[in-house]
Amino acid sequence: MSDDKKPKKPSRQQVFTLLVQIGRKDGDGLPNNATGAALMCFASGIDEAEAVRETVAILKQADTNPLDVTGYGTLAEREEEGHEIDDEERALMQRALDENSVIIAQMTPFFD
């Protein structure tokens, strides 16, 4: 039986919304006068802890300095809390799930 005939095993991956605060580091790509930034990320993982670990690891590889991560849960959890989630955000979440990746959806630099 070829691989494409096997029933696909359901993925246990979920997508979590994370807000990551980063500090300054040489080569981080932030504006010169910024003191840091907030990154809204969509990250896949079996659980939120795995999504956080993967996100921090990837951001460190990208020469940023992650300082703090706040988790906002899965799409379903956010909907239960009444968060409004537009089609673009949903598409980015689906992409994170499909690619088993971390998507940075928004970056907001901090200034004094």
N, C-alpha and C. Protein backbone atom coordinates (compact mmCIF):
# COMPACT_ATOMS: atom_id res chain seq x y z
N MET A 1 0.86 -1.19 0.00
CA MET A 1 0.00 0.00 0.00
C MET A 1 0.89 1.24 0.00
N SER A 2 0.67 2.13 -0.92
CA SER A 2 1.49 3.34 -0.98
C SER A 2 1.06 4.32 0.11
N ASP A 3 1.97 5.26 0.39
CA ASP A 3 1.72 6.22 1.46
C ASP A 3 0.45 7.04 1.26
N ASP A 4 0.12 7.36 -0.01
CA ASP A 4 -1.04 8.21 -0.23
C ASP A 4 -2.37 7.47 -0.07
N LYS A 5 -2.33 6.15 0.13
CA LYS A 5 -3.56 5.38 0.32
C LYS A 5 -3.88 5.16 1.81
N LYS A 6 -2.89 5.37 2.67
CA LYS A 6 -3.11 5.16 4.10
C LYS A 6 -4.02 6.26 4.64
N PRO A 7 -4.92 5.89 5.55
CA PRO A 7 -5.74 6.95 6.15
C PRO A 7 -4.84 7.89 6.94
N LYS A 8 -5.10 9.17 6.79
CA LYS A 8 -4.27 10.16 7.47
C LYS A 8 -4.61 10.18 8.95
N LYS A 9 -3.58 10.08 9.76
CA LYS A 9 -3.75 10.11 11.20
C LYS A 9 -4.10 11.54 11.61
N PRO A 10 -5.13 11.74 12.42
CA PRO A 10 -5.48 13.10 12.81
C PRO A 10 -4.33 13.74 13.59
N SER A 11 -4.04 14.99 13.26
CA SER A 11 -2.96 15.73 13.91
C SER A 11 -3.41 16.16 15.29
N ARG A 12 -2.49 16.09 16.23
CA ARG A 12 -2.78 16.60 17.57
C ARG A 12 -2.31 18.04 17.71
N GLN A 13 -1.74 18.58 16.63
CA GLN A 13 -1.26 19.96 16.65
C GLN A 13 -2.44 20.92 16.74
N GLN A 14 -2.22 21.99 17.47
CA GLN A 14 -3.18 23.08 17.54
C GLN A 14 -2.41 24.37 17.32
N VAL A 15 -3.11 25.45 17.07
CA VAL A 15 -2.45 26.75 16.91
C VAL A 15 -2.81 27.62 18.11
N PHE A 16 -1.77 28.22 18.66
CA PHE A 16 -1.92 29.08 19.82
C PHE A 16 -1.55 30.50 19.45
N THR A 17 -2.27 31.46 20.02
CA THR A 17 -1.96 32.87 19.83
C THR A 17 -1.05 33.28 20.98
N LEU A 18 0.11 33.84 20.62
CA LEU A 18 1.09 34.24 21.62
C LEU A 18 1.48 35.70 21.40
N LEU A 19 1.68 36.43 22.47
CA LEU A 19 2.20 37.78 22.41
C LEU A 19 3.59 37.72 23.04
N VAL A 20 4.61 38.03 22.23
CA VAL A 20 5.99 37.93 22.69
C VAL A 20 6.59 39.33 22.77
N GLN A 21 7.14 39.68 23.91
CA GLN A 21 7.86 40.93 24.06
C GLN A 21 9.33 40.65 23.85
N ILE A 22 9.96 41.45 22.98
CA ILE A 22 11.39 41.27 22.74
C ILE A 22 12.14 42.54 23.12
N GLY A 23 13.36 42.35 23.60
CA GLY A 23 14.24 43.47 23.90
C GLY A 23 15.20 43.67 22.74
N ARG A 24 16.09 44.61 22.89
CA ARG A 24 17.05 44.93 21.84
C ARG A 24 18.20 43.94 21.82
N LYS A 25 18.71 43.71 20.62
CA LYS A 25 19.87 42.87 20.40
C LYS A 25 20.48 43.29 19.07
N ASP A 26 21.80 43.31 18.97
CA ASP A 26 22.44 43.67 17.70
C ASP A 26 21.89 42.80 16.58
N GLY A 27 21.52 43.45 15.48
CA GLY A 27 21.04 42.72 14.31
C GLY A 27 19.59 42.29 14.39
N ASP A 28 18.81 42.85 15.34
CA ASP A 28 17.42 42.40 15.51
C ASP A 28 16.44 42.96 14.48
N GLY A 29 16.88 43.94 13.69
CA GLY A 29 16.02 44.47 12.64
C GLY A 29 14.98 45.48 13.09
N LEU A 30 14.99 45.84 14.36
CA LEU A 30 14.05 46.84 14.87
C LEU A 30 14.52 48.24 14.48
N PRO A 31 13.60 49.22 14.44
CA PRO A 31 14.02 50.60 14.16
C PRO A 31 15.09 51.04 15.16
N ASN A 32 16.02 51.89 14.71
CA ASN A 32 17.16 52.30 15.54
C ASN A 32 16.77 52.85 16.90
N ASN A 33 15.71 53.64 16.97
CA ASN A 33 15.34 54.27 18.24
C ASN A 33 14.31 53.48 19.05
N ALA A 34 14.00 52.26 18.62
CA ALA A 34 13.06 51.41 19.38
C ALA A 34 13.76 50.82 20.59
N THR A 35 13.00 50.61 21.66
CA THR A 35 13.54 49.99 22.87
C THR A 35 13.21 48.50 22.93
N GLY A 36 12.39 48.03 22.02
CA GLY A 36 11.96 46.64 21.96
C GLY A 36 10.73 46.56 21.09
N ALA A 37 10.01 45.45 21.19
CA ALA A 37 8.80 45.30 20.37
C ALA A 37 7.90 44.22 20.96
N ALA A 38 6.65 44.26 20.52
CA ALA A 38 5.69 43.20 20.82
C ALA A 38 5.39 42.48 19.50
N LEU A 39 5.42 41.17 19.54
CA LEU A 39 5.13 40.37 18.36
C LEU A 39 3.90 39.52 18.61
N MET A 40 2.89 39.63 17.76
CA MET A 40 1.73 38.75 17.81
C MET A 40 2.07 37.57 16.92
N CYS A 41 2.08 36.38 17.52
CA CYS A 41 2.47 35.17 16.79
C CYS A 41 1.37 34.12 16.85
N PHE A 42 1.31 33.32 15.80
CA PHE A 42 0.47 32.13 15.78
C PHE A 42 1.43 30.96 15.65
N ALA A 43 1.40 30.07 16.64
CA ALA A 43 2.38 28.99 16.69
C ALA A 43 1.67 27.65 16.89
N SER A 44 2.11 26.65 16.13
CA SER A 44 1.52 25.33 16.28
C SER A 44 2.27 24.54 17.35
N GLY A 45 1.54 23.64 17.99
CA GLY A 45 2.14 22.78 19.00
C GLY A 45 1.11 21.81 19.53
N ILE A 46 1.60 20.76 20.16
CA ILE A 46 0.71 19.78 20.81
C ILE A 46 -0.02 20.47 21.97
N ASP A 47 0.72 21.35 22.66
CA ASP A 47 0.13 22.13 23.75
C ASP A 47 0.78 23.52 23.74
N GLU A 48 0.28 24.39 24.59
CA GLU A 48 0.79 25.76 24.58
C GLU A 48 2.26 25.83 24.98
N ALA A 49 2.68 24.97 25.90
CA ALA A 49 4.09 24.98 26.32
C ALA A 49 5.01 24.68 25.14
N GLU A 50 4.64 23.71 24.31
CA GLU A 50 5.45 23.39 23.14
C GLU A 50 5.46 24.57 22.16
N ALA A 51 4.31 25.19 21.94
CA ALA A 51 4.23 26.34 21.03
C ALA A 51 5.12 27.47 21.52
N VAL A 52 5.14 27.71 22.82
CA VAL A 52 5.99 28.76 23.40
C VAL A 52 7.46 28.41 23.19
N ARG A 53 7.85 27.17 23.50
CA ARG A 53 9.26 26.77 23.34
C ARG A 53 9.72 26.94 21.90
N GLU A 54 8.90 26.49 20.96
CA GLU A 54 9.26 26.59 19.54
C GLU A 54 9.36 28.05 19.10
N THR A 55 8.44 28.88 19.56
CA THR A 55 8.45 30.29 19.19
C THR A 55 9.70 30.98 19.72
N VAL A 56 10.02 30.75 20.98
CA VAL A 56 11.21 31.37 21.58
C VAL A 56 12.47 30.90 20.85
N ALA A 57 12.55 29.61 20.53
CA ALA A 57 13.73 29.08 19.84
C ALA A 57 13.90 29.73 18.46
N ILE A 58 12.80 29.86 17.73
CA ILE A 58 12.86 30.45 16.39
C ILE A 58 13.22 31.94 16.48
N LEU A 59 12.66 32.65 17.44
CA LEU A 59 12.98 34.07 17.58
C LEU A 59 14.44 34.28 17.96
N LYS A 60 14.99 33.40 18.79
CA LYS A 60 16.41 33.49 19.13
C LYS A 60 17.28 33.23 17.91
N GLN A 61 16.89 32.27 17.07
CA GLN A 61 17.62 31.98 15.84
C GLN A 61 17.58 33.18 14.89
N ALA A 62 16.52 33.99 15.00
CA ALA A 62 16.35 35.16 14.13
C ALA A 62 17.00 36.40 14.74
N ASP A 63 17.92 36.20 15.68
CA ASP A 63 18.66 37.30 16.32
C ASP A 63 17.78 38.29 17.05
N THR A 64 16.71 37.80 17.69
CA THR A 64 15.93 38.67 18.56
C THR A 64 16.14 38.22 20.00
N ASN A 65 15.66 39.02 20.93
CA ASN A 65 15.86 38.78 22.35
C ASN A 65 14.50 38.64 23.05
N PRO A 66 13.87 37.45 22.97
CA PRO A 66 12.57 37.28 23.61
C PRO A 66 12.68 37.43 25.14
N LEU A 67 11.81 38.26 25.71
CA LEU A 67 11.84 38.52 27.14
C LEU A 67 10.65 37.89 27.88
N ASP A 68 9.47 37.93 27.24
CA ASP A 68 8.26 37.47 27.92
C ASP A 68 7.26 36.98 26.88
N VAL A 69 6.53 35.92 27.22
CA VAL A 69 5.51 35.38 26.32
C VAL A 69 4.20 35.27 27.09
N THR A 70 3.14 35.81 26.51
CA THR A 70 1.79 35.68 27.07
C THR A 70 0.96 34.87 26.09
N GLY A 71 0.33 33.79 26.58
CA GLY A 71 -0.50 32.95 25.74
C GLY A 71 -1.96 33.36 25.82
N TYR A 72 -2.62 33.37 24.65
CA TYR A 72 -4.04 33.72 24.58
C TYR A 72 -4.90 32.53 24.16
N GLY A 73 -4.28 31.34 24.06
CA GLY A 73 -5.05 30.14 23.79
C GLY A 73 -5.22 29.83 22.31
N THR A 74 -6.05 28.83 22.07
CA THR A 74 -6.36 28.37 20.72
C THR A 74 -7.47 29.23 20.11
N LEU A 75 -7.75 29.00 18.85
CA LEU A 75 -8.85 29.70 18.17
C LEU A 75 -10.15 29.47 18.93
N ALA A 76 -10.44 28.23 19.28
CA ALA A 76 -11.70 27.92 19.98
C ALA A 76 -11.75 28.62 21.34
N GLU A 77 -10.64 28.63 22.06
CA GLU A 77 -10.61 29.28 23.37
C GLU A 77 -10.82 30.80 23.23
N ARG A 78 -10.21 31.37 22.22
CA ARG A 78 -10.38 32.81 22.00
C ARG A 78 -11.82 33.14 21.61
N GLU A 79 -12.43 32.29 20.77
CA GLU A 79 -13.83 32.52 20.39
C GLU A 79 -14.74 32.43 21.61
N GLU A 80 -14.47 31.46 22.50
CA GLU A 80 -15.27 31.32 23.72
C GLU A 80 -15.19 32.57 24.59
N GLU A 81 -14.04 33.24 24.55
CA GLU A 81 -13.86 34.45 25.35
C GLU A 81 -14.40 35.69 24.65
N GLY A 82 -14.93 35.52 23.44
CA GLY A 82 -15.55 36.63 22.74
C GLY A 82 -14.60 37.46 21.88
N HIS A 83 -13.39 36.96 21.64
CA HIS A 83 -12.45 37.70 20.77
C HIS A 83 -12.99 37.72 19.35
N GLU A 84 -12.87 38.87 18.71
CA GLU A 84 -13.23 38.96 17.29
C GLU A 84 -12.01 38.57 16.47
N ILE A 85 -12.17 37.60 15.60
CA ILE A 85 -11.05 37.08 14.81
C ILE A 85 -11.43 37.18 13.34
N ASP A 86 -10.71 38.05 12.61
CA ASP A 86 -11.07 38.27 11.21
C ASP A 86 -10.53 37.16 10.30
N ASP A 87 -10.94 37.20 9.04
CA ASP A 87 -10.58 36.16 8.09
C ASP A 87 -9.07 36.08 7.87
N GLU A 88 -8.41 37.23 7.86
CA GLU A 88 -6.95 37.25 7.65
C GLU A 88 -6.24 36.53 8.80
N GLU A 89 -6.68 36.79 10.02
CA GLU A 89 -6.10 36.14 11.19
C GLU A 89 -6.35 34.63 11.14
N ARG A 90 -7.55 34.24 10.78
CA ARG A 90 -7.88 32.82 10.65
C ARG A 90 -7.00 32.14 9.60
N ALA A 91 -6.76 32.84 8.49
CA ALA A 91 -5.93 32.29 7.42
C ALA A 91 -4.49 32.09 7.91
N LEU A 92 -3.97 33.05 8.68
CA LEU A 92 -2.62 32.91 9.22
C LEU A 92 -2.54 31.77 10.23
N MET A 93 -3.59 31.60 11.03
CA MET A 93 -3.63 30.48 11.97
C MET A 93 -3.63 29.15 11.22
N GLN A 94 -4.41 29.07 10.16
CA GLN A 94 -4.47 27.84 9.37
C GLN A 94 -3.11 27.56 8.73
N ARG A 95 -2.45 28.62 8.27
CA ARG A 95 -1.11 28.46 7.67
C ARG A 95 -0.13 27.92 8.70
N ALA A 96 -0.18 28.44 9.93
CA ALA A 96 0.71 27.94 10.99
C ALA A 96 0.46 26.46 11.24
N LEU A 97 -0.81 26.06 11.21
CA LEU A 97 -1.15 24.65 11.42
C LEU A 97 -0.69 23.80 10.24
N ASP A 98 -0.99 24.24 9.02
CA ASP A 98 -0.62 23.48 7.82
C ASP A 98 0.88 23.30 7.70
N GLU A 99 1.63 24.34 8.06
CA GLU A 99 3.09 24.32 7.91
C GLU A 99 3.81 23.90 9.19
N ASN A 100 3.04 23.64 10.26
CA ASN A 100 3.62 23.32 11.57
C ASN A 100 4.70 24.35 11.89
N SER A 101 4.30 25.62 11.90
CA SER A 101 5.27 26.70 11.99
C SER A 101 4.82 27.78 12.96
N VAL A 102 5.67 28.81 13.03
CA VAL A 102 5.37 30.01 13.79
C VAL A 102 5.21 31.15 12.79
N ILE A 103 4.09 31.84 12.85
CA ILE A 103 3.82 32.96 11.97
C ILE A 103 3.81 34.23 12.82
N ILE A 104 4.61 35.21 12.45
CA ILE A 104 4.55 36.52 13.12
C ILE A 104 3.53 37.34 12.36
N ALA A 105 2.40 37.58 13.01
CA ALA A 105 1.29 38.26 12.35
C ALA A 105 1.40 39.77 12.44
N GLN A 106 2.04 40.26 13.50
CA GLN A 106 2.13 41.71 13.70
C GLN A 106 3.32 42.02 14.59
N MET A 107 4.02 43.12 14.28
CA MET A 107 5.11 43.59 15.10
C MET A 107 4.84 45.06 15.45
N THR A 108 4.89 45.37 16.73
CA THR A 108 4.70 46.73 17.19
C THR A 108 5.94 47.15 17.96
N PRO A 109 6.79 48.04 17.38
CA PRO A 109 7.98 48.49 18.10
C PRO A 109 7.59 49.38 19.30
N PHE A 110 8.43 49.33 20.34
CA PHE A 110 8.27 50.20 21.51
C PHE A 110 9.28 51.33 21.40
N PHE A 111 8.82 52.54 21.76
CA PHE A 111 9.70 53.70 21.80
C PHE A 111 9.57 54.34 23.17
N ASP A 112 10.61 55.09 23.60
CA ASP A 112 10.54 55.77 24.90
C ASP A 112 9.38 56.72 24.97
